[in-house]
């Protein structure tokens, strides 16, 4: 939810491999950072994937030959605390069931911003250069993102204003020990047949 992962999972090395390595190593040309003009601080990022077929098998290879072996070795050598083991158990037993289905033949993005910058302007500036380039190429049917949201509808309304539709959201249990407020994983999708990001105001 935009906070440090350490209280949940203590191994930043494995976590970044799992969450970001494909994007930073294979599609780094679609990685953007957001910087505060006044302070120079990095306040967010966008990681994106256009080559969805390539992503599927590269991610599977990373999981099988890098991430899982590294994680198993660190379990065997007692590197993980109880919270980290609980997080890994969630990944292997519940993550798949709690993740909404992804649209087929579509590019995708992962976005994260510090809480003070989670507004329409920052989100727009990160997502729309990628969305416009994708639509102009014409080789994918659309663009989707999956993000953690709370019970309010502000996130859905914001994305709907910019041509996305909320396809599905599922409650996720991995934060239950840290918050009493339900947290959901939501899928938003921009179908280029219905909305062209290169036309109109964004």
N, C-alpha and C. Protein backbone atom coordinates (compact mmCIF):
# COMPACT_ATOMS: atom_id res chain seq x y z
N UNK A 1 0.83 -1.21 0.00
CA UNK A 1 0.00 0.00 0.00
C UNK A 1 0.86 1.26 0.00
N UNK A 2 2.06 1.17 -0.54
CA UNK A 2 2.93 2.33 -0.63
C UNK A 2 3.87 2.50 0.55
N UNK A 3 3.79 1.61 1.55
CA UNK A 3 4.67 1.67 2.70
C UNK A 3 5.80 0.65 2.54
N UNK A 4 6.90 0.79 3.30
CA UNK A 4 7.99 -0.18 3.21
C UNK A 4 7.49 -1.60 3.46
N UNK A 5 8.05 -2.56 2.73
CA UNK A 5 7.61 -3.95 2.82
C UNK A 5 8.20 -4.66 4.03
N UNK A 6 9.21 -4.08 4.67
CA UNK A 6 9.98 -4.78 5.70
C UNK A 6 9.16 -5.41 6.83
N UNK A 7 8.11 -4.74 7.35
CA UNK A 7 7.34 -5.41 8.42
C UNK A 7 6.63 -6.67 7.96
N UNK A 8 6.43 -6.81 6.65
CA UNK A 8 5.72 -7.97 6.10
C UNK A 8 6.69 -9.01 5.57
N UNK A 9 7.75 -8.55 4.88
CA UNK A 9 8.72 -9.47 4.28
C UNK A 9 10.09 -8.80 4.35
N UNK A 10 11.03 -9.47 5.02
CA UNK A 10 12.30 -8.82 5.36
C UNK A 10 13.35 -8.88 4.25
N UNK A 11 13.08 -9.62 3.18
CA UNK A 11 14.08 -9.83 2.12
C UNK A 11 13.77 -8.94 0.91
N UNK A 12 14.32 -7.74 0.90
CA UNK A 12 14.06 -6.83 -0.21
C UNK A 12 14.63 -7.35 -1.53
N UNK A 13 15.70 -8.09 -1.47
CA UNK A 13 16.32 -8.65 -2.67
C UNK A 13 15.35 -9.58 -3.40
N UNK A 14 14.80 -10.55 -2.70
CA UNK A 14 13.85 -11.48 -3.31
C UNK A 14 12.57 -10.75 -3.70
N UNK A 15 12.12 -9.83 -2.86
CA UNK A 15 10.88 -9.11 -3.16
C UNK A 15 11.00 -8.30 -4.45
N UNK A 16 12.12 -7.60 -4.63
CA UNK A 16 12.28 -6.81 -5.86
C UNK A 16 12.45 -7.70 -7.08
N UNK A 17 13.12 -8.85 -6.92
CA UNK A 17 13.19 -9.81 -8.03
C UNK A 17 11.78 -10.24 -8.43
N UNK A 18 10.97 -10.55 -7.44
CA UNK A 18 9.61 -11.05 -7.69
C UNK A 18 8.73 -9.98 -8.32
N UNK A 19 8.84 -8.76 -7.83
CA UNK A 19 7.90 -7.71 -8.25
C UNK A 19 8.38 -6.93 -9.48
N UNK A 20 9.68 -6.73 -9.61
CA UNK A 20 10.13 -5.75 -10.61
C UNK A 20 11.21 -6.22 -11.57
N UNK A 21 11.84 -7.36 -11.36
CA UNK A 21 13.04 -7.67 -12.15
C UNK A 21 12.76 -7.79 -13.64
N UNK A 22 11.63 -8.40 -14.01
CA UNK A 22 11.32 -8.50 -15.44
C UNK A 22 11.31 -7.10 -16.06
N UNK A 23 10.66 -6.17 -15.41
CA UNK A 23 10.48 -4.83 -15.98
C UNK A 23 11.81 -4.06 -16.05
N UNK A 24 12.62 -4.16 -15.01
CA UNK A 24 13.87 -3.40 -15.00
C UNK A 24 14.95 -4.01 -15.88
N UNK A 25 14.87 -5.33 -16.13
CA UNK A 25 15.91 -6.00 -16.92
C UNK A 25 15.50 -6.23 -18.37
N UNK A 26 14.20 -6.41 -18.64
CA UNK A 26 13.77 -6.76 -20.00
C UNK A 26 12.93 -5.68 -20.68
N UNK A 27 12.25 -4.83 -19.92
CA UNK A 27 11.48 -3.75 -20.54
C UNK A 27 11.76 -2.42 -19.84
N UNK A 28 13.04 -2.19 -19.62
CA UNK A 28 13.45 -0.96 -18.93
C UNK A 28 13.09 0.30 -19.72
N UNK A 29 12.88 0.14 -21.04
CA UNK A 29 12.49 1.30 -21.84
C UNK A 29 11.07 1.77 -21.53
N UNK A 30 10.32 0.96 -20.76
CA UNK A 30 8.97 1.34 -20.36
C UNK A 30 8.90 1.65 -18.86
N UNK A 31 10.04 1.90 -18.25
CA UNK A 31 10.08 2.25 -16.82
C UNK A 31 10.21 3.77 -16.68
N UNK A 32 9.34 4.35 -15.89
CA UNK A 32 9.36 5.80 -15.66
C UNK A 32 9.40 6.08 -14.16
N UNK A 33 10.05 7.16 -13.78
CA UNK A 33 10.00 7.59 -12.39
C UNK A 33 9.36 8.96 -12.31
N UNK A 34 8.73 9.24 -11.18
CA UNK A 34 8.13 10.56 -10.92
C UNK A 34 9.01 11.30 -9.92
N UNK A 35 9.35 12.52 -10.25
CA UNK A 35 10.22 13.33 -9.41
C UNK A 35 9.51 14.64 -9.06
N UNK A 36 9.58 15.01 -7.81
CA UNK A 36 9.03 16.30 -7.38
C UNK A 36 9.91 17.42 -7.93
N UNK A 37 9.31 18.32 -8.71
CA UNK A 37 10.08 19.40 -9.35
C UNK A 37 10.78 20.30 -8.33
N UNK A 38 10.17 20.48 -7.18
CA UNK A 38 10.71 21.44 -6.22
C UNK A 38 11.77 20.83 -5.32
N UNK A 39 11.57 19.58 -4.89
CA UNK A 39 12.52 18.97 -3.96
C UNK A 39 13.54 18.07 -4.64
N UNK A 40 13.21 17.59 -5.84
CA UNK A 40 14.08 16.63 -6.52
C UNK A 40 13.93 15.22 -6.01
N UNK A 41 12.99 14.99 -5.09
CA UNK A 41 12.78 13.65 -4.53
C UNK A 41 12.07 12.75 -5.52
N UNK A 42 12.45 11.46 -5.53
CA UNK A 42 11.71 10.45 -6.29
C UNK A 42 10.45 10.11 -5.49
N UNK A 43 9.29 10.26 -6.11
CA UNK A 43 8.03 10.09 -5.37
C UNK A 43 7.16 8.96 -5.93
N UNK A 44 7.60 8.32 -7.00
CA UNK A 44 6.81 7.22 -7.55
C UNK A 44 7.45 6.66 -8.80
N UNK A 45 6.82 5.62 -9.33
CA UNK A 45 7.34 5.01 -10.55
C UNK A 45 6.23 4.30 -11.29
N UNK A 46 6.49 4.05 -12.56
CA UNK A 46 5.64 3.20 -13.39
C UNK A 46 6.54 2.16 -14.05
N UNK A 47 6.18 0.89 -13.92
CA UNK A 47 6.83 -0.20 -14.64
C UNK A 47 5.79 -0.80 -15.56
N UNK A 48 6.16 -1.05 -16.81
CA UNK A 48 5.15 -1.47 -17.77
C UNK A 48 5.68 -2.56 -18.69
N UNK A 49 4.75 -3.32 -19.25
CA UNK A 49 5.07 -4.43 -20.14
C UNK A 49 4.21 -4.34 -21.39
N UNK A 50 4.87 -4.25 -22.55
CA UNK A 50 4.16 -4.29 -23.83
C UNK A 50 4.16 -5.70 -24.41
N UNK A 51 5.27 -6.43 -24.23
CA UNK A 51 5.44 -7.75 -24.84
C UNK A 51 4.86 -8.82 -23.92
N UNK A 52 3.55 -8.95 -23.91
CA UNK A 52 2.88 -9.79 -22.92
C UNK A 52 3.23 -11.27 -23.06
N UNK A 53 3.45 -11.76 -24.28
CA UNK A 53 3.83 -13.17 -24.45
C UNK A 53 5.23 -13.42 -23.87
N UNK A 54 6.13 -12.53 -24.18
CA UNK A 54 7.51 -12.61 -23.69
C UNK A 54 7.52 -12.55 -22.17
N UNK A 55 6.70 -11.67 -21.61
CA UNK A 55 6.62 -11.52 -20.17
C UNK A 55 6.25 -12.82 -19.47
N UNK A 56 5.32 -13.56 -20.06
CA UNK A 56 4.83 -14.78 -19.41
C UNK A 56 5.94 -15.81 -19.24
N UNK A 57 6.73 -16.06 -20.29
CA UNK A 57 7.73 -17.11 -20.14
C UNK A 57 8.99 -16.63 -19.44
N UNK A 58 9.38 -15.36 -19.61
CA UNK A 58 10.53 -14.85 -18.87
C UNK A 58 10.23 -14.83 -17.37
N UNK A 59 9.02 -14.42 -17.00
CA UNK A 59 8.64 -14.40 -15.58
C UNK A 59 8.64 -15.80 -14.99
N UNK A 60 8.18 -16.78 -15.77
CA UNK A 60 8.19 -18.17 -15.30
C UNK A 60 9.62 -18.66 -15.09
N UNK A 61 10.53 -18.31 -16.00
CA UNK A 61 11.93 -18.71 -15.85
C UNK A 61 12.57 -18.04 -14.64
N UNK A 62 12.29 -16.76 -14.45
CA UNK A 62 12.81 -16.06 -13.27
C UNK A 62 12.34 -16.71 -11.98
N UNK A 63 11.06 -17.04 -11.96
CA UNK A 63 10.50 -17.67 -10.76
C UNK A 63 11.16 -19.02 -10.49
N UNK A 64 11.29 -19.84 -11.54
CA UNK A 64 11.80 -21.20 -11.37
C UNK A 64 13.29 -21.25 -11.06
N UNK A 65 14.07 -20.37 -11.69
CA UNK A 65 15.53 -20.51 -11.61
C UNK A 65 16.23 -19.43 -10.79
N UNK A 66 15.52 -18.40 -10.40
CA UNK A 66 16.15 -17.34 -9.60
C UNK A 66 15.42 -17.15 -8.27
N UNK A 67 14.15 -16.81 -8.34
CA UNK A 67 13.43 -16.38 -7.15
C UNK A 67 13.18 -17.52 -6.17
N UNK A 68 12.61 -18.62 -6.67
CA UNK A 68 12.32 -19.75 -5.77
C UNK A 68 13.59 -20.35 -5.18
N UNK A 69 14.63 -20.66 -5.99
CA UNK A 69 15.85 -21.20 -5.38
C UNK A 69 16.47 -20.27 -4.33
N UNK A 70 16.49 -18.97 -4.63
CA UNK A 70 17.05 -18.01 -3.68
C UNK A 70 16.23 -17.99 -2.38
N UNK A 71 14.90 -17.98 -2.53
CA UNK A 71 14.04 -17.98 -1.36
C UNK A 71 14.16 -19.26 -0.54
N UNK A 72 14.21 -20.41 -1.22
CA UNK A 72 14.34 -21.69 -0.50
C UNK A 72 15.66 -21.77 0.25
N UNK A 73 16.73 -21.29 -0.36
CA UNK A 73 18.03 -21.29 0.32
C UNK A 73 17.97 -20.43 1.58
N UNK A 74 17.30 -19.31 1.51
CA UNK A 74 17.25 -18.43 2.67
C UNK A 74 16.31 -18.96 3.74
N UNK A 75 15.30 -19.73 3.33
CA UNK A 75 14.48 -20.43 4.33
C UNK A 75 15.33 -21.48 5.03
N UNK A 76 16.08 -22.26 4.23
CA UNK A 76 16.89 -23.35 4.78
C UNK A 76 17.99 -22.84 5.70
N UNK A 77 18.45 -21.63 5.48
CA UNK A 77 19.52 -21.07 6.32
C UNK A 77 18.97 -20.08 7.36
N UNK A 78 17.67 -20.17 7.61
CA UNK A 78 17.01 -19.43 8.69
C UNK A 78 17.20 -17.91 8.59
N UNK A 79 17.05 -17.38 7.37
CA UNK A 79 17.20 -15.94 7.18
C UNK A 79 15.89 -15.18 7.42
N UNK A 80 14.77 -15.91 7.46
CA UNK A 80 13.47 -15.23 7.49
C UNK A 80 12.83 -15.29 8.86
N UNK A 81 12.20 -14.19 9.25
CA UNK A 81 11.45 -14.16 10.49
C UNK A 81 10.04 -14.71 10.27
N UNK A 82 9.26 -14.73 11.34
CA UNK A 82 7.92 -15.32 11.26
C UNK A 82 7.02 -14.59 10.26
N UNK A 83 7.08 -13.25 10.27
CA UNK A 83 6.24 -12.47 9.34
C UNK A 83 6.59 -12.79 7.89
N UNK A 84 7.88 -12.95 7.60
CA UNK A 84 8.31 -13.24 6.24
C UNK A 84 7.84 -14.63 5.80
N UNK A 85 7.93 -15.60 6.68
CA UNK A 85 7.45 -16.94 6.36
C UNK A 85 5.94 -16.94 6.12
N UNK A 86 5.23 -16.14 6.90
CA UNK A 86 3.79 -16.04 6.71
C UNK A 86 3.46 -15.42 5.35
N UNK A 87 4.23 -14.42 4.94
CA UNK A 87 4.03 -13.80 3.64
C UNK A 87 4.30 -14.80 2.52
N UNK A 88 5.37 -15.57 2.62
CA UNK A 88 5.68 -16.59 1.61
C UNK A 88 4.58 -17.64 1.54
N UNK A 89 4.04 -18.02 2.69
CA UNK A 89 2.94 -18.98 2.71
C UNK A 89 1.73 -18.42 1.98
N UNK A 90 1.46 -17.13 2.17
CA UNK A 90 0.35 -16.50 1.45
C UNK A 90 0.61 -16.52 -0.05
N UNK A 91 1.84 -16.21 -0.48
CA UNK A 91 2.17 -16.21 -1.91
C UNK A 91 1.86 -17.56 -2.54
N UNK A 92 2.29 -18.64 -1.88
CA UNK A 92 2.17 -19.97 -2.48
C UNK A 92 0.79 -20.59 -2.31
N UNK A 93 0.02 -20.17 -1.33
CA UNK A 93 -1.26 -20.84 -1.08
C UNK A 93 -2.49 -20.00 -1.40
N UNK A 94 -2.36 -18.66 -1.38
CA UNK A 94 -3.57 -17.84 -1.53
C UNK A 94 -3.48 -16.76 -2.59
N UNK A 95 -2.28 -16.37 -2.96
CA UNK A 95 -2.13 -15.23 -3.89
C UNK A 95 -2.88 -15.47 -5.20
N UNK A 96 -2.76 -16.67 -5.75
CA UNK A 96 -3.42 -16.97 -7.02
C UNK A 96 -4.94 -16.84 -6.93
N UNK A 97 -5.51 -17.30 -5.82
CA UNK A 97 -6.96 -17.24 -5.65
C UNK A 97 -7.45 -15.81 -5.41
N UNK A 98 -6.60 -14.99 -4.84
CA UNK A 98 -7.01 -13.63 -4.49
C UNK A 98 -6.63 -12.59 -5.55
N UNK A 99 -6.08 -13.05 -6.67
CA UNK A 99 -5.69 -12.15 -7.75
C UNK A 99 -6.72 -12.21 -8.87
N UNK A 100 -7.31 -11.09 -9.27
CA UNK A 100 -8.28 -11.10 -10.37
C UNK A 100 -7.62 -11.55 -11.68
N UNK A 101 -8.43 -12.12 -12.56
CA UNK A 101 -7.93 -12.54 -13.86
C UNK A 101 -7.48 -11.32 -14.67
N UNK A 102 -6.43 -11.51 -15.46
CA UNK A 102 -5.92 -10.42 -16.30
C UNK A 102 -6.54 -10.48 -17.69
N UNK A 103 -6.82 -9.34 -18.31
CA UNK A 103 -7.32 -9.34 -19.68
C UNK A 103 -6.30 -9.97 -20.63
N UNK A 104 -6.79 -10.67 -21.63
CA UNK A 104 -5.92 -11.34 -22.59
C UNK A 104 -5.41 -10.35 -23.64
N UNK A 105 -4.23 -10.64 -24.19
CA UNK A 105 -3.63 -9.88 -25.30
C UNK A 105 -3.56 -8.38 -25.00
N UNK A 106 -3.20 -8.07 -23.77
CA UNK A 106 -3.13 -6.66 -23.36
C UNK A 106 -1.80 -6.38 -22.67
N UNK A 107 -1.32 -5.17 -22.85
CA UNK A 107 -0.16 -4.70 -22.10
C UNK A 107 -0.60 -4.40 -20.66
N UNK A 108 0.37 -4.27 -19.76
CA UNK A 108 -0.01 -3.95 -18.39
C UNK A 108 1.03 -3.03 -17.75
N UNK A 109 0.63 -2.45 -16.63
CA UNK A 109 1.51 -1.54 -15.90
C UNK A 109 1.38 -1.79 -14.40
N UNK A 110 2.43 -1.42 -13.70
CA UNK A 110 2.42 -1.41 -12.24
C UNK A 110 2.85 -0.01 -11.81
N UNK A 111 2.05 0.62 -10.99
CA UNK A 111 2.33 2.00 -10.57
C UNK A 111 2.34 2.09 -9.06
N UNK A 112 3.24 2.91 -8.54
CA UNK A 112 3.27 3.15 -7.10
C UNK A 112 3.71 4.59 -6.86
N UNK A 113 3.02 5.26 -5.98
CA UNK A 113 3.32 6.65 -5.64
C UNK A 113 3.28 6.82 -4.12
N UNK A 114 4.10 7.70 -3.61
CA UNK A 114 4.01 8.03 -2.19
C UNK A 114 2.62 8.63 -1.90
N UNK A 115 2.10 8.43 -0.69
CA UNK A 115 0.72 8.84 -0.39
C UNK A 115 0.37 10.27 -0.77
N UNK A 116 1.27 11.22 -0.54
CA UNK A 116 0.96 12.62 -0.84
C UNK A 116 0.85 12.92 -2.33
N UNK A 117 1.27 11.97 -3.16
CA UNK A 117 1.28 12.20 -4.61
C UNK A 117 0.26 11.33 -5.34
N UNK A 118 -0.59 10.68 -4.60
CA UNK A 118 -1.60 9.82 -5.24
C UNK A 118 -2.80 10.66 -5.66
N UNK A 119 -2.59 11.42 -6.70
CA UNK A 119 -3.66 12.26 -7.22
C UNK A 119 -3.75 12.04 -8.73
N UNK A 120 -4.76 12.58 -9.32
CA UNK A 120 -4.97 12.36 -10.74
C UNK A 120 -3.83 12.85 -11.60
N UNK A 121 -3.22 13.97 -11.23
CA UNK A 121 -2.17 14.54 -12.06
C UNK A 121 -0.95 13.63 -12.14
N UNK A 122 -0.46 13.17 -11.00
CA UNK A 122 0.73 12.32 -11.00
C UNK A 122 0.46 11.00 -11.71
N UNK A 123 -0.69 10.42 -11.46
CA UNK A 123 -1.05 9.16 -12.11
C UNK A 123 -1.12 9.32 -13.62
N UNK A 124 -1.74 10.39 -14.06
CA UNK A 124 -1.89 10.68 -15.48
C UNK A 124 -0.53 10.85 -16.16
N UNK A 125 0.36 11.60 -15.52
CA UNK A 125 1.66 11.89 -16.12
C UNK A 125 2.51 10.63 -16.27
N UNK A 126 2.30 9.65 -15.41
CA UNK A 126 3.05 8.40 -15.52
C UNK A 126 2.43 7.44 -16.54
N UNK A 127 1.11 7.31 -16.52
CA UNK A 127 0.46 6.27 -17.33
C UNK A 127 0.29 6.68 -18.79
N UNK A 128 -0.08 7.92 -19.05
CA UNK A 128 -0.54 8.24 -20.40
C UNK A 128 0.52 8.30 -21.49
N UNK A 129 1.77 8.64 -21.22
CA UNK A 129 2.77 8.50 -22.29
C UNK A 129 2.86 7.06 -22.81
N UNK A 130 2.80 6.09 -21.89
CA UNK A 130 2.83 4.68 -22.28
C UNK A 130 1.55 4.29 -23.00
N UNK A 131 0.39 4.69 -22.48
CA UNK A 131 -0.89 4.34 -23.10
C UNK A 131 -0.98 4.90 -24.52
N UNK A 132 -0.55 6.13 -24.71
CA UNK A 132 -0.62 6.75 -26.04
C UNK A 132 0.29 6.03 -27.03
N UNK A 133 1.49 5.68 -26.59
CA UNK A 133 2.42 4.97 -27.48
C UNK A 133 1.87 3.60 -27.86
N UNK A 134 1.27 2.91 -26.91
CA UNK A 134 0.68 1.60 -27.19
C UNK A 134 -0.44 1.70 -28.21
N UNK A 135 -1.35 2.63 -27.99
CA UNK A 135 -2.49 2.78 -28.90
C UNK A 135 -2.03 3.13 -30.31
N UNK A 136 -0.98 3.94 -30.42
CA UNK A 136 -0.47 4.33 -31.74
C UNK A 136 0.16 3.14 -32.46
N UNK A 137 0.81 2.25 -31.72
CA UNK A 137 1.42 1.06 -32.34
C UNK A 137 0.36 0.09 -32.86
N UNK A 138 -0.69 -0.09 -32.08
CA UNK A 138 -1.80 -0.94 -32.51
C UNK A 138 -1.57 -2.43 -32.41
N UNK A 139 -0.58 -2.88 -31.64
CA UNK A 139 -0.32 -4.32 -31.58
C UNK A 139 -0.82 -4.99 -30.30
N UNK A 140 -1.52 -4.25 -29.45
CA UNK A 140 -2.19 -4.85 -28.29
C UNK A 140 -3.61 -4.31 -28.24
N UNK A 141 -4.49 -5.05 -27.59
CA UNK A 141 -5.90 -4.63 -27.57
C UNK A 141 -6.22 -3.60 -26.50
N UNK A 142 -5.30 -3.43 -25.57
CA UNK A 142 -5.56 -2.48 -24.51
C UNK A 142 -4.48 -2.51 -23.46
N UNK A 143 -4.74 -1.84 -22.36
CA UNK A 143 -3.79 -1.68 -21.27
C UNK A 143 -4.51 -1.89 -19.94
N UNK A 144 -3.92 -2.72 -19.07
CA UNK A 144 -4.54 -2.92 -17.76
C UNK A 144 -3.51 -2.75 -16.66
N UNK A 145 -4.04 -2.50 -15.48
CA UNK A 145 -3.22 -2.43 -14.28
C UNK A 145 -3.93 -3.12 -13.14
N UNK A 146 -3.17 -3.68 -12.22
CA UNK A 146 -3.73 -4.27 -11.01
C UNK A 146 -3.14 -3.54 -9.82
N UNK A 147 -4.00 -3.06 -8.94
CA UNK A 147 -3.53 -2.25 -7.83
C UNK A 147 -4.33 -2.55 -6.57
N UNK A 148 -3.69 -2.31 -5.44
CA UNK A 148 -4.34 -2.50 -4.16
C UNK A 148 -5.14 -1.25 -3.83
N UNK A 149 -6.40 -1.45 -3.47
CA UNK A 149 -7.30 -0.34 -3.15
C UNK A 149 -8.05 -0.67 -1.87
N UNK A 150 -8.59 0.38 -1.28
CA UNK A 150 -9.42 0.19 -0.08
C UNK A 150 -10.89 0.25 -0.46
N UNK A 151 -11.76 0.33 0.53
CA UNK A 151 -13.19 0.20 0.28
C UNK A 151 -13.81 1.40 -0.43
N UNK A 152 -13.17 2.57 -0.36
CA UNK A 152 -13.76 3.73 -1.01
C UNK A 152 -13.65 3.58 -2.53
N UNK A 153 -14.40 4.40 -3.25
CA UNK A 153 -14.46 4.25 -4.71
C UNK A 153 -13.67 5.33 -5.45
N UNK A 154 -12.84 6.09 -4.72
CA UNK A 154 -12.12 7.19 -5.37
C UNK A 154 -11.18 6.70 -6.47
N UNK A 155 -10.48 5.60 -6.22
CA UNK A 155 -9.55 5.08 -7.22
C UNK A 155 -10.28 4.68 -8.48
N UNK A 156 -11.39 3.96 -8.33
CA UNK A 156 -12.17 3.53 -9.50
C UNK A 156 -12.66 4.73 -10.28
N UNK A 157 -13.18 5.74 -9.60
CA UNK A 157 -13.70 6.92 -10.29
C UNK A 157 -12.60 7.66 -11.03
N UNK A 158 -11.43 7.74 -10.42
CA UNK A 158 -10.33 8.45 -11.06
C UNK A 158 -9.93 7.75 -12.37
N UNK A 159 -9.79 6.43 -12.33
CA UNK A 159 -9.39 5.71 -13.54
C UNK A 159 -10.50 5.73 -14.59
N UNK A 160 -11.74 5.68 -14.16
CA UNK A 160 -12.85 5.73 -15.12
C UNK A 160 -12.88 7.07 -15.86
N UNK A 161 -12.49 8.14 -15.20
CA UNK A 161 -12.42 9.45 -15.87
C UNK A 161 -11.44 9.45 -17.03
N UNK A 162 -10.45 8.59 -16.96
CA UNK A 162 -9.40 8.59 -17.97
C UNK A 162 -9.53 7.43 -18.96
N UNK A 163 -10.71 6.81 -19.02
CA UNK A 163 -10.95 5.80 -20.04
C UNK A 163 -10.76 4.37 -19.61
N UNK A 164 -10.44 4.13 -18.35
CA UNK A 164 -10.33 2.76 -17.83
C UNK A 164 -11.68 2.32 -17.27
N UNK A 165 -11.91 1.02 -17.23
CA UNK A 165 -13.06 0.50 -16.52
C UNK A 165 -12.58 -0.51 -15.48
N UNK A 166 -13.26 -0.54 -14.36
CA UNK A 166 -12.94 -1.50 -13.31
C UNK A 166 -13.54 -2.84 -13.71
N UNK A 167 -12.68 -3.84 -13.94
CA UNK A 167 -13.17 -5.15 -14.35
C UNK A 167 -13.55 -6.02 -13.16
N UNK A 168 -12.72 -6.01 -12.15
CA UNK A 168 -12.95 -6.90 -11.01
C UNK A 168 -12.08 -6.45 -9.84
N UNK A 169 -12.54 -6.75 -8.64
CA UNK A 169 -11.68 -6.58 -7.48
C UNK A 169 -11.92 -7.75 -6.54
N UNK A 170 -10.86 -8.18 -5.88
CA UNK A 170 -10.95 -9.28 -4.92
C UNK A 170 -10.26 -8.87 -3.63
N UNK A 171 -10.88 -9.26 -2.53
CA UNK A 171 -10.29 -8.95 -1.23
C UNK A 171 -9.04 -9.80 -1.05
N UNK A 172 -7.96 -9.16 -0.58
CA UNK A 172 -6.73 -9.89 -0.31
C UNK A 172 -6.48 -9.92 1.20
N UNK A 173 -5.94 -11.05 1.64
CA UNK A 173 -5.82 -11.29 3.08
C UNK A 173 -4.42 -11.01 3.62
N UNK A 174 -3.46 -10.68 2.77
CA UNK A 174 -2.07 -10.60 3.25
C UNK A 174 -1.83 -9.44 4.22
N UNK A 175 -2.73 -8.44 4.24
CA UNK A 175 -2.55 -7.31 5.16
C UNK A 175 -3.44 -7.42 6.40
N UNK A 176 -4.15 -8.52 6.55
CA UNK A 176 -5.15 -8.63 7.63
C UNK A 176 -4.55 -8.42 9.02
N UNK A 177 -3.29 -8.81 9.20
CA UNK A 177 -2.68 -8.67 10.53
C UNK A 177 -2.18 -7.24 10.80
N UNK A 178 -2.25 -6.38 9.77
CA UNK A 178 -1.76 -5.01 9.92
C UNK A 178 -2.87 -3.96 9.92
N UNK A 179 -4.04 -4.31 9.40
CA UNK A 179 -5.14 -3.34 9.31
C UNK A 179 -6.48 -4.04 9.46
N UNK A 180 -7.44 -3.34 10.04
CA UNK A 180 -8.79 -3.88 10.14
C UNK A 180 -9.63 -3.49 8.93
N UNK A 181 -9.12 -2.59 8.11
CA UNK A 181 -9.85 -2.13 6.93
C UNK A 181 -9.59 -3.08 5.76
N UNK A 182 -10.63 -3.54 5.07
CA UNK A 182 -10.41 -4.46 3.95
C UNK A 182 -9.55 -3.83 2.86
N UNK A 183 -8.68 -4.65 2.28
CA UNK A 183 -7.84 -4.24 1.15
C UNK A 183 -8.16 -5.16 -0.02
N UNK A 184 -8.27 -4.58 -1.20
CA UNK A 184 -8.65 -5.33 -2.40
C UNK A 184 -7.57 -5.19 -3.47
N UNK A 185 -7.48 -6.21 -4.32
CA UNK A 185 -6.68 -6.10 -5.54
C UNK A 185 -7.66 -5.90 -6.68
N UNK A 186 -7.52 -4.78 -7.38
CA UNK A 186 -8.47 -4.41 -8.43
C UNK A 186 -7.78 -4.39 -9.78
N UNK A 187 -8.53 -4.78 -10.82
CA UNK A 187 -8.04 -4.71 -12.20
C UNK A 187 -8.79 -3.62 -12.94
N UNK A 188 -8.03 -2.66 -13.50
CA UNK A 188 -8.62 -1.63 -14.36
C UNK A 188 -8.09 -1.85 -15.78
N UNK A 189 -8.95 -1.59 -16.77
CA UNK A 189 -8.60 -1.92 -18.16
C UNK A 189 -9.04 -0.82 -19.10
N UNK A 190 -8.14 -0.40 -19.98
CA UNK A 190 -8.47 0.53 -21.05
C UNK A 190 -8.51 -0.26 -22.36
N UNK A 191 -9.70 -0.41 -22.93
CA UNK A 191 -9.88 -1.11 -24.20
C UNK A 191 -9.71 -0.10 -25.33
N UNK A 192 -8.68 -0.28 -26.14
CA UNK A 192 -8.39 0.71 -27.18
C UNK A 192 -9.46 0.75 -28.26
N UNK A 193 -10.27 -0.30 -28.37
CA UNK A 193 -11.38 -0.27 -29.33
C UNK A 193 -12.48 0.68 -28.87
N UNK A 194 -12.53 0.95 -27.55
CA UNK A 194 -13.56 1.82 -27.00
C UNK A 194 -13.03 3.20 -26.61
N UNK A 195 -11.74 3.26 -26.33
CA UNK A 195 -11.17 4.53 -25.88
C UNK A 195 -9.77 4.68 -26.45
N UNK A 196 -9.55 5.72 -27.23
CA UNK A 196 -8.23 6.01 -27.79
C UNK A 196 -7.58 7.12 -26.95
N UNK A 197 -6.51 6.81 -26.22
CA UNK A 197 -5.89 7.84 -25.36
C UNK A 197 -5.25 8.98 -26.14
N UNK A 198 -5.10 8.81 -27.46
CA UNK A 198 -4.53 9.87 -28.28
C UNK A 198 -5.57 10.89 -28.74
N UNK A 199 -6.82 10.64 -28.39
CA UNK A 199 -7.89 11.56 -28.77
C UNK A 199 -8.52 12.15 -27.51
N UNK A 200 -8.79 13.42 -27.54
CA UNK A 200 -9.45 14.06 -26.41
C UNK A 200 -8.48 14.42 -25.32
N UNK A 201 -9.03 14.99 -24.28
CA UNK A 201 -8.24 15.47 -23.14
C UNK A 201 -8.03 14.34 -22.16
N UNK A 202 -6.81 14.22 -21.62
CA UNK A 202 -6.53 13.22 -20.60
C UNK A 202 -5.98 13.90 -19.36
